[in-house]
């Protein structure tokens, strides 16, 4: 009977500890800093001013795809973009 009581006590303590950890994490999540700038979307901002940004890529398909993604993201913010694709291998760039 003593072994059953010890096992139940250990399981209960572990459950309480896990519950306390979850509650503490939830409480601390609400303690993050806030920005009082009045905008709810941190990605929304003013368009950039200036010249053209050159987006380059190495000579493999994944790199070209990433260059296209970055270029389109920059264009959506009003930045002029030009592309220099297939520059070469990583050793070259």
Protein backbone atom coordinates (compact mmCIF):
# COMPACT_ATOMS: atom_id res chain seq x y z
CA UNK A 1 0.00 0.00 0.00
CA UNK A 2 2.86 2.38 0.66
CA UNK A 3 4.18 2.11 -2.90
CA UNK A 4 0.77 3.00 -4.35
CA UNK A 5 0.53 6.05 -2.08
CA UNK A 6 4.03 7.21 -3.07
CA UNK A 7 3.32 6.74 -6.80
CA UNK A 8 0.01 8.64 -6.51
CA UNK A 9 1.72 11.40 -4.52
CA UNK A 10 4.50 11.74 -7.11
CA UNK A 11 1.98 11.84 -9.97
CA UNK A 12 -0.10 14.46 -8.16
CA UNK A 13 2.99 16.60 -7.50
CA UNK A 14 4.02 16.39 -11.15
CA UNK A 15 0.52 17.37 -12.25
CA UNK A 16 0.52 20.37 -9.91
CA UNK A 17 3.98 21.42 -11.11
CA UNK A 18 2.94 21.19 -14.77
CA UNK A 19 -0.26 23.13 -14.09
CA UNK A 20 1.68 25.82 -12.24
CA UNK A 21 4.14 26.08 -15.13
CA UNK A 22 1.32 26.53 -17.67
CA UNK A 23 -0.39 29.18 -15.52
CA UNK A 24 2.88 31.06 -15.00
CA UNK A 25 3.63 31.00 -18.74
CA UNK A 26 0.14 32.30 -19.53
CA UNK A 27 0.49 35.08 -16.95
CA UNK A 28 3.90 36.15 -18.26
CA UNK A 29 2.66 36.19 -21.84
CA UNK A 30 0.39 39.08 -20.95
CA UNK A 31 3.33 41.03 -19.51
CA UNK A 32 4.94 41.78 -22.86
CA UNK A 33 5.74 45.33 -23.81
CA UNK A 34 3.32 47.26 -25.95
CA UNK A 35 3.89 49.95 -28.51
CA UNK A 36 1.70 53.00 -28.03
CA UNK A 37 2.19 54.28 -31.57
CA UNK A 38 -1.48 53.67 -32.35
CA UNK A 39 -0.93 51.18 -35.17
CA UNK A 40 -2.13 47.64 -34.71
CA UNK A 41 -0.17 46.18 -37.63
CA UNK A 42 3.60 46.29 -37.00
CA UNK A 43 4.31 45.57 -40.68
CA UNK A 44 2.28 48.51 -41.91
CA UNK A 45 4.39 51.60 -42.24
CA UNK A 46 5.41 54.39 -44.50
CA UNK A 47 6.83 53.67 -47.91
CA UNK A 48 10.58 53.85 -48.12
CA UNK A 49 12.21 56.74 -49.91
CA UNK A 50 15.31 56.50 -52.02
CA UNK A 51 16.78 54.70 -54.99
CA UNK A 52 16.57 51.19 -56.31
CA UNK A 53 17.41 48.08 -54.32
CA UNK A 54 19.18 45.30 -56.21
CA UNK A 55 18.10 41.80 -55.19
CA UNK A 56 20.49 39.05 -56.27
CA UNK A 57 20.46 35.28 -56.23
CA UNK A 58 22.81 32.36 -56.64
CA UNK A 59 22.43 29.98 -59.53
CA UNK A 60 20.03 27.42 -58.06
CA UNK A 61 16.22 27.44 -58.06
CA UNK A 62 15.65 27.96 -54.32
CA UNK A 63 17.84 31.05 -54.30
CA UNK A 64 16.03 32.49 -57.30
CA UNK A 65 12.67 31.86 -55.63
CA UNK A 66 13.81 33.61 -52.44
CA UNK A 67 15.06 36.57 -54.46
CA UNK A 68 11.65 36.84 -56.11
CA UNK A 69 9.88 36.67 -52.75
CA UNK A 70 12.10 39.35 -51.20
CA UNK A 71 11.79 41.53 -54.28
CA UNK A 72 7.99 41.35 -54.29
CA UNK A 73 7.88 42.12 -50.56
CA UNK A 74 10.03 45.19 -51.11
CA UNK A 75 7.89 46.29 -54.07
CA UNK A 76 4.76 46.03 -51.93
CA UNK A 77 6.29 48.61 -49.59
CA UNK A 78 6.93 51.01 -52.44
CA UNK A 79 10.61 50.31 -52.96
CA UNK A 80 12.01 50.19 -56.49
CA UNK A 81 13.61 46.81 -57.10
CA UNK A 82 15.90 45.47 -59.79
CA UNK A 83 17.03 41.86 -60.01
CA UNK A 84 20.43 40.31 -60.62
CA UNK A 85 19.66 36.59 -60.80
CA UNK A 86 22.01 33.64 -61.32
CA UNK A 87 25.10 35.49 -60.11
CA UNK A 88 26.97 32.26 -59.58
CA UNK A 89 27.79 29.70 -56.94
CA UNK A 90 28.03 30.54 -53.26
CA UNK A 91 31.78 30.69 -53.53
CA UNK A 92 31.39 33.42 -56.16
CA UNK A 93 28.99 35.54 -54.18
